[in-house]
Amino acid sequence: MSDTPSQRDGTRSVSRRRFTAFGVGALATGLAGCIGGASDDDPEDQNVAVASFFTFYDFTRQIADETPMSVDNLVPVGLHGHGWEPDPTITQDIVDANAFIHVGPDFQPWADRAIETVEDDGADTHLINAREGVELLDLAETVEDDEEIEGGKDPHFWLDPELAKHAVDNIANGLAEVAPDHEGEFADNADELKGELDELDAEWEAIFEEAEREYVFLAAHNAFEYLGQRYATTIQPLIANLAAADDVRTSDMQYAEDMIAEHDIQYIGAAIFEPNSWAKQLVDETNAEAYYPVTPYAGTREEWVDQGWGYFDIARNINMPTFEIVLDAADPSETTLGEEWRNFD
């Protein structure tokens, strides 16, 4: 892959690979998906892979770069990849595809149902579990039984760059089973992608080393524990459950207000694809001055598609600047977040 942009650059460059992948397919379809190889490829050599989650769509399209494999993201722009419920045409897209990249069982019920359909119909779709072999963290005991993953595990492993490399290998190996003639290209692209994840890991480490506090609060659901565990910081979510919800208990808000006061928190994070009324209320009712955006890479926005942003761009342009702020590693004016992200609507 081309050189990655510096975390603190005022402008973010987009590599040739990213621009090609997003510019040709995503803008044409209106989704953050659908890339393909050159038009003179043998049609019989072309395969279609579809992904149930933005992060693994993004990894897959980079692994498939410069091959005849086309890659589609099934989740529309602006929607959270966890709680979405698609219409039946999405299941048909999966049945018709050569490969389906998913996040493993229990995380996306619609994807689980589609996998059942594939298996019941005897479809040729090759199922690629991006989290296969990944050792997941335990979840808090407060998580509802119907949200348990593998008996009470946290599925958001891709936020840890080191663990995300396991997904890259799973995807590359899965694509090689679908298109064995391109196994070498998949492997080479996967190695480049893992190298960039190593670079991202180092950038995250530098941010947390500059931190002036070891406790941050996010007005969001429980999705960031892997960052906290990897970089030895307490990241307290407002909602203990896995899924973003429209309702927050009075006890949750009271706990949040107590923690903000106890730790003298000035800035908090708020999830982009979740209601931000919680964050607004906390800013109104506590000494917190502002909230800034975070995302577990579960979806994408129209303007991100227009700029060709993938996992790494979102990390460097959204999550990293916000964590610099909430960790007191940098003043908001010193980060690359624009003023529009302060108490964003």
Protein backbone atom coordinates (compact mmCIF):
# COMPACT_ATOMS: atom_id res chain seq x y z
CA MET A 1 0.00 0.00 0.00
CA SER A 2 1.08 3.55 -0.48
CA ASP A 3 2.41 5.58 2.41
CA THR A 4 -0.23 6.31 4.99
CA PRO A 5 -1.05 9.94 5.80
CA SER A 6 0.34 11.40 8.97
CA GLN A 7 -2.15 11.43 11.80
CA ARG A 8 -1.72 15.15 12.38
CA ASP A 9 -1.72 16.31 8.77
CA GLY A 10 -4.22 19.08 8.19
CA THR A 11 -5.37 17.38 5.00
CA ARG A 12 -5.77 13.68 4.47
CA SER A 13 -4.49 12.16 1.27
CA VAL A 14 -6.15 9.10 -0.27
CA SER A 15 -3.95 6.38 -1.72
CA ARG A 16 -4.29 5.35 -5.33
CA ARG A 17 -5.74 2.04 -4.20
CA ARG A 18 -8.39 3.69 -2.03
CA PHE A 19 -9.33 6.26 -4.66
CA THR A 20 -9.73 3.59 -7.32
CA ALA A 21 -11.76 1.31 -5.10
CA PHE A 22 -14.16 3.94 -3.81
CA GLY A 23 -14.17 6.33 -6.71
CA VAL A 24 -15.14 3.85 -9.39
CA GLY A 25 -17.60 1.66 -7.51
CA ALA A 26 -18.93 3.43 -4.48
CA LEU A 27 -19.80 6.70 -6.14
CA ALA A 28 -21.39 4.92 -9.07
CA THR A 29 -23.67 2.83 -6.87
CA GLY A 30 -24.40 5.33 -4.11
CA LEU A 31 -23.16 2.78 -1.57
CA ALA A 32 -19.76 2.27 -0.02
CA GLY A 33 -19.39 -0.80 -2.14
CA CYS A 34 -18.79 -2.48 -5.46
CA ILE A 35 -15.29 -2.45 -6.84
CA GLY A 36 -14.00 -4.59 -9.61
CA GLY A 37 -11.07 -5.48 -11.77
CA ALA A 38 -10.21 -4.21 -15.23
CA SER A 39 -12.88 -4.41 -17.89
CA ASP A 40 -10.81 -6.71 -20.13
CA ASP A 41 -10.75 -9.51 -17.54
CA ASP A 42 -12.21 -12.83 -18.64
CA PRO A 43 -15.84 -12.76 -17.42
CA GLU A 44 -15.49 -16.39 -16.37
CA ASP A 45 -12.66 -15.34 -14.02
CA GLN A 46 -14.75 -12.71 -12.24
CA ASN A 47 -16.29 -13.35 -8.84
CA VAL A 48 -18.44 -11.28 -6.51
CA ALA A 49 -17.87 -10.99 -2.76
CA VAL A 50 -20.41 -9.28 -0.50
CA ALA A 51 -19.80 -8.11 3.07
CA SER A 52 -22.21 -7.63 5.97
CA PHE A 53 -20.17 -4.96 7.74
CA PHE A 54 -18.32 -1.85 6.59
CA THR A 55 -14.95 -2.69 8.19
CA PHE A 56 -14.73 -6.07 6.52
CA TYR A 57 -15.99 -4.73 3.22
CA ASP A 58 -13.13 -2.24 3.37
CA PHE A 59 -10.57 -4.91 4.21
CA THR A 60 -11.91 -7.21 1.49
CA ARG A 61 -11.80 -4.64 -1.27
CA GLN A 62 -8.16 -3.90 -0.44
CA ILE A 63 -7.26 -7.59 -0.37
CA ALA A 64 -9.00 -8.05 -3.74
CA ASP A 65 -7.33 -5.01 -5.31
CA GLU A 66 -5.99 -5.57 -8.85
CA THR A 67 -7.87 -8.88 -9.17
CA PRO A 68 -11.12 -9.65 -11.04
CA MET A 69 -12.91 -10.06 -7.68
CA SER A 70 -15.58 -7.37 -7.17
CA VAL A 71 -16.61 -6.43 -3.65
CA ASP A 72 -19.93 -5.00 -2.41
CA ASN A 73 -20.88 -3.55 0.96
CA LEU A 74 -24.44 -4.67 1.73
CA VAL A 75 -25.18 -1.99 4.36
CA PRO A 76 -26.38 1.31 2.84
CA VAL A 77 -24.61 4.59 3.52
CA GLY A 78 -25.62 6.24 6.79
CA LEU A 79 -26.76 3.07 8.56
CA HIS A 80 -25.16 1.25 11.49
CA GLY A 81 -24.07 -2.25 10.48
CA HIS A 82 -25.24 -3.87 13.72
CA GLY A 83 -28.90 -2.97 14.13
CA TRP A 84 -29.92 -2.79 10.48
CA GLU A 85 -32.73 -5.03 9.19
CA PRO A 86 -32.60 -5.33 5.37
CA ASP A 87 -35.30 -6.42 2.96
CA PRO A 88 -35.23 -9.91 1.38
CA THR A 89 -33.32 -8.74 -1.69
CA ILE A 90 -30.14 -8.61 0.40
CA THR A 91 -30.42 -12.32 1.15
CA GLN A 92 -30.76 -12.98 -2.56
CA ASP A 93 -27.62 -10.91 -3.19
CA ILE A 94 -25.79 -13.15 -0.72
CA VAL A 95 -27.13 -16.34 -2.32
CA ASP A 96 -26.04 -15.07 -5.74
CA ALA A 97 -22.55 -14.06 -4.58
CA ASN A 98 -19.46 -16.22 -4.71
CA ALA A 99 -18.42 -15.22 -1.18
CA PHE A 100 -20.11 -13.71 1.86
CA ILE A 101 -17.87 -12.02 4.46
CA HIS A 102 -19.58 -11.75 7.85
CA VAL A 103 -18.71 -11.03 11.51
CA GLY A 104 -19.54 -14.46 12.90
CA PRO A 105 -22.73 -15.73 14.56
CA ASP A 106 -25.02 -13.78 16.91
CA PHE A 107 -23.83 -10.27 15.99
CA GLN A 108 -26.06 -9.50 13.00
CA PRO A 109 -29.30 -11.54 13.14
CA TRP A 110 -30.10 -10.78 9.50
CA ALA A 111 -26.72 -12.16 8.44
CA ASP A 112 -27.31 -15.31 10.51
CA ARG A 113 -30.66 -15.80 8.77
CA ALA A 114 -29.05 -15.30 5.36
CA ILE A 115 -26.41 -17.91 6.19
CA GLU A 116 -29.18 -20.36 7.10
CA THR A 117 -30.78 -19.69 3.73
CA VAL A 118 -27.49 -20.28 1.93
CA GLU A 119 -27.00 -23.57 3.74
CA ASP A 120 -30.63 -24.70 3.38
CA ASP A 121 -30.66 -23.91 -0.35
CA GLY A 122 -27.30 -25.54 -0.96
CA ALA A 123 -26.02 -22.33 -2.57
CA ASP A 124 -22.42 -22.12 -3.74
CA THR A 125 -21.75 -18.98 -1.71
CA HIS A 126 -18.50 -19.42 0.23
CA LEU A 127 -19.00 -18.24 3.82
CA ILE A 128 -16.07 -16.30 5.31
CA ASN A 129 -16.21 -15.65 9.05
CA ALA A 130 -13.96 -12.65 9.65
CA ARG A 131 -13.64 -13.36 13.37
CA GLU A 132 -12.81 -17.05 13.13
CA GLY A 133 -10.05 -17.95 15.58
CA VAL A 134 -10.11 -14.56 17.33
CA GLU A 135 -10.11 -14.69 21.12
CA LEU A 136 -12.83 -12.27 22.20
CA LEU A 137 -13.02 -10.24 25.40
CA ASP A 138 -15.64 -10.97 28.03
CA LEU A 139 -18.64 -8.66 28.17
CA ALA A 140 -20.06 -6.94 31.23
CA GLU A 141 -22.60 -9.00 33.14
CA THR A 142 -25.23 -6.35 32.45
CA VAL A 143 -25.51 -7.30 28.78
CA GLU A 144 -28.89 -8.79 27.90
CA ASP A 145 -28.99 -12.54 27.26
CA ASP A 146 -30.26 -12.09 23.72
CA GLU A 147 -27.17 -10.03 22.88
CA GLU A 148 -24.61 -12.55 24.07
CA ILE A 149 -21.90 -13.52 21.58
CA GLU A 150 -20.29 -16.92 22.16
CA GLY A 151 -21.66 -17.09 25.69
CA GLY A 152 -20.99 -13.52 26.74
CA LYS A 153 -18.19 -12.15 24.57
CA ASP A 154 -17.52 -8.73 23.03
CA PRO A 155 -17.40 -9.00 19.21
CA HIS A 156 -15.82 -5.58 18.47
CA PHE A 157 -12.31 -7.00 18.04
CA TRP A 158 -11.58 -5.04 14.84
CA LEU A 159 -11.00 -1.88 16.90
CA ASP A 160 -7.74 -3.47 18.07
CA PRO A 161 -5.38 -3.25 15.06
CA GLU A 162 -3.49 -6.35 16.16
CA LEU A 163 -6.64 -8.46 16.32
CA ALA A 164 -7.89 -6.95 13.07
CA LYS A 165 -4.99 -8.67 11.32
CA HIS A 166 -6.63 -12.02 12.07
CA ALA A 167 -9.66 -10.87 10.07
CA VAL A 168 -7.39 -9.89 7.18
CA ASP A 169 -5.91 -13.40 7.11
CA ASN A 170 -9.35 -15.00 7.35
CA ILE A 171 -10.63 -12.95 4.44
CA ALA A 172 -7.55 -13.51 2.28
CA ASN A 173 -7.68 -17.27 2.88
CA GLY A 174 -11.40 -17.33 2.15
CA LEU A 175 -11.04 -15.43 -1.12
CA ALA A 176 -8.24 -17.76 -2.16
CA GLU A 177 -10.65 -20.67 -1.85
CA VAL A 178 -13.05 -18.88 -4.17
CA ALA A 179 -10.44 -17.72 -6.69
CA PRO A 180 -7.32 -19.90 -6.21
CA ASP A 181 -5.63 -18.47 -9.33
CA HIS A 182 -5.29 -15.16 -7.44
CA GLU A 183 -4.10 -16.58 -4.12
CA GLY A 184 -0.73 -14.85 -4.44
CA GLU A 185 -2.29 -11.45 -5.06
CA PHE A 186 -4.65 -11.85 -2.13
CA ALA A 187 -1.74 -12.84 0.12
CA ASP A 188 0.44 -9.92 -1.01
CA ASN A 189 -2.36 -7.41 -0.54
CA ALA A 190 -3.16 -8.89 2.88
CA ASP A 191 0.48 -8.47 3.93
CA GLU A 192 0.37 -4.79 2.92
CA LEU A 193 -2.88 -4.32 4.80
CA LYS A 194 -1.46 -5.90 7.95
CA GLY A 195 1.54 -3.62 7.66
CA GLU A 196 -0.75 -0.61 7.65
CA LEU A 197 -2.57 -1.99 10.69
CA ASP A 198 0.80 -2.14 12.44
CA GLU A 199 1.37 1.51 11.57
CA LEU A 200 -2.08 2.39 12.89
CA ASP A 201 -1.33 0.52 16.10
CA ALA A 202 1.79 2.62 16.59
CA GLU A 203 -0.18 5.82 16.02
CA TRP A 204 -2.80 4.78 18.57
CA GLU A 205 -0.04 3.91 21.04
CA ALA A 206 1.48 7.37 20.63
CA ILE A 207 -1.86 9.04 21.38
CA PHE A 208 -2.43 7.03 24.54
CA GLU A 209 1.14 7.66 25.68
CA GLU A 210 0.44 11.39 25.47
CA ALA A 211 -2.76 11.03 27.51
CA GLU A 212 -3.18 13.12 30.65
CA ARG A 213 -5.98 10.91 31.95
CA GLU A 214 -6.71 7.18 32.11
CA TYR A 215 -10.50 7.43 32.16
CA VAL A 216 -12.71 8.62 29.32
CA PHE A 217 -16.48 8.65 28.92
CA LEU A 218 -18.40 7.91 25.72
CA ALA A 219 -22.11 8.65 25.30
CA ALA A 220 -22.38 5.52 23.19
CA HIS A 221 -23.03 1.80 23.39
CA ASN A 222 -20.46 -0.73 24.52
CA ALA A 223 -18.11 -0.93 21.51
CA PHE A 224 -14.69 0.42 22.49
CA GLU A 225 -13.40 -1.94 25.17
CA TYR A 226 -10.78 -3.37 22.81
CA LEU A 227 -9.12 0.05 22.59
CA GLY A 228 -9.23 0.36 26.36
CA GLN A 229 -7.71 -3.06 26.90
CA ARG A 230 -4.96 -2.69 24.31
CA TYR A 231 -3.86 0.77 25.45
CA ALA A 232 -4.52 0.41 29.20
CA THR A 233 -7.27 3.01 29.55
CA THR A 234 -10.74 2.84 31.08
CA ILE A 235 -13.29 3.64 28.38
CA GLN A 236 -16.70 3.90 30.02
CA PRO A 237 -19.74 3.64 27.72
CA LEU A 238 -23.12 5.09 28.60
CA ILE A 239 -24.90 1.92 27.47
CA ALA A 240 -23.54 -1.47 28.54
CA ASN A 241 -25.44 -3.37 25.84
CA LEU A 242 -23.91 -4.16 22.47
CA ALA A 243 -26.49 -2.50 20.25
CA ALA A 244 -27.23 1.18 19.92
CA ALA A 245 -30.66 1.91 21.38
CA ASP A 246 -32.98 4.89 21.51
CA ASP A 247 -33.67 4.53 25.21
CA VAL A 248 -31.31 5.13 28.10
CA ARG A 249 -32.24 4.34 31.69
CA THR A 250 -32.35 7.11 34.25
CA SER A 251 -29.82 5.14 36.29
CA ASP A 252 -27.42 5.12 33.31
CA MET A 253 -27.61 8.89 32.99
CA GLN A 254 -27.11 9.36 36.72
CA TYR A 255 -24.09 7.09 36.64
CA ALA A 256 -22.70 9.07 33.71
CA GLU A 257 -23.17 12.36 35.53
CA ASP A 258 -21.46 10.95 38.62
CA MET A 259 -18.49 9.66 36.63
CA ILE A 260 -18.07 12.94 34.76
CA ALA A 261 -18.02 14.79 38.06
CA GLU A 262 -15.76 12.30 39.83
CA HIS A 263 -13.14 12.33 37.07
CA ASP A 264 -13.51 16.02 36.23
CA ILE A 265 -14.22 15.22 32.60
CA GLN A 266 -14.28 18.19 30.25
CA TYR A 267 -14.90 16.42 26.94
CA ILE A 268 -16.80 13.24 26.09
CA GLY A 269 -17.24 11.15 22.97
CA ALA A 270 -20.53 10.57 21.16
CA ALA A 271 -21.24 7.93 18.54
CA ILE A 272 -22.00 9.22 15.05
CA PHE A 273 -24.57 6.58 14.13
CA GLU A 274 -26.45 6.73 17.44
CA PRO A 275 -28.79 9.32 18.99
CA ASN A 276 -26.72 12.22 20.32
CA SER A 277 -29.48 13.51 22.59
CA TRP A 278 -27.74 11.68 25.46
CA ALA A 279 -24.51 13.56 24.87
CA LYS A 280 -26.38 16.88 24.60
CA GLN A 281 -28.11 16.20 27.92
CA LEU A 282 -24.82 15.41 29.63
CA VAL A 283 -23.23 18.61 28.33
CA ASP A 284 -26.27 20.57 29.54
CA GLU A 285 -26.40 18.95 32.99
CA THR A 286 -22.72 18.43 33.89
CA ASN A 287 -19.46 20.36 33.74
CA ALA A 288 -18.56 18.66 30.47
CA GLU A 289 -18.10 21.36 27.84
CA ALA A 290 -18.51 19.46 24.59
CA TYR A 291 -18.77 16.10 22.89
CA TYR A 292 -16.87 14.89 19.82
CA PRO A 293 -17.45 12.02 17.36
CA VAL A 294 -16.47 8.37 17.64
CA THR A 295 -17.46 5.38 15.54
CA PRO A 296 -16.71 1.64 15.76
CA TYR A 297 -16.38 1.60 11.94
CA ALA A 298 -19.86 0.11 11.68
CA GLY A 299 -21.01 2.29 8.80
CA THR A 300 -20.07 5.16 6.53
CA ARG A 301 -21.44 8.59 5.60
CA GLU A 302 -22.05 10.13 2.20
CA GLU A 303 -19.25 12.66 2.59
CA TRP A 304 -16.84 9.89 3.62
CA VAL A 305 -17.72 7.96 0.49
CA ASP A 306 -17.16 11.09 -1.57
CA GLN A 307 -13.69 11.44 -0.04
CA GLY A 308 -12.86 7.76 -0.46
CA TRP A 309 -12.56 7.09 3.25
CA GLY A 310 -12.11 3.58 4.56
CA TYR A 311 -11.24 2.12 7.97
CA PHE A 312 -7.87 3.86 8.20
CA ASP A 313 -9.15 7.25 7.07
CA ILE A 314 -11.99 7.16 9.58
CA ALA A 315 -9.55 6.18 12.31
CA ARG A 316 -7.21 9.07 11.51
CA ASN A 317 -9.83 11.71 10.78
CA ILE A 318 -12.53 10.89 13.36
CA ASN A 319 -11.58 8.50 16.15
CA MET A 320 -7.98 9.50 16.75
CA PRO A 321 -8.60 13.26 17.01
CA THR A 322 -11.52 12.65 19.36
CA PHE A 323 -9.45 10.38 21.61
CA GLU A 324 -6.71 13.00 21.65
CA ILE A 325 -9.33 15.41 23.00
CA VAL A 326 -11.05 13.14 25.54
CA LEU A 327 -7.67 11.87 26.81
CA ASP A 328 -6.43 15.46 27.24
CA ALA A 329 -3.60 14.59 24.87
CA ALA A 330 -4.41 17.65 22.76
CA ASP A 331 -6.59 20.74 22.86
CA PRO A 332 -9.52 20.53 20.41
CA SER A 333 -8.03 23.39 18.39
CA GLU A 334 -4.84 21.37 17.93
CA THR A 335 -6.57 18.42 16.27
CA THR A 336 -7.81 18.00 12.73
CA LEU A 337 -11.48 17.87 13.73
CA GLY A 338 -13.37 20.83 12.33
CA GLU A 339 -15.63 23.02 14.41
CA GLU A 340 -18.64 21.25 12.91
CA TRP A 341 -17.80 18.18 15.00
CA ARG A 342 -17.99 20.04 18.33
CA ASN A 343 -21.43 19.16 19.75
CA PHE A 344 -22.40 17.91 16.29
CA ASP A 345 -26.04 17.30 15.37
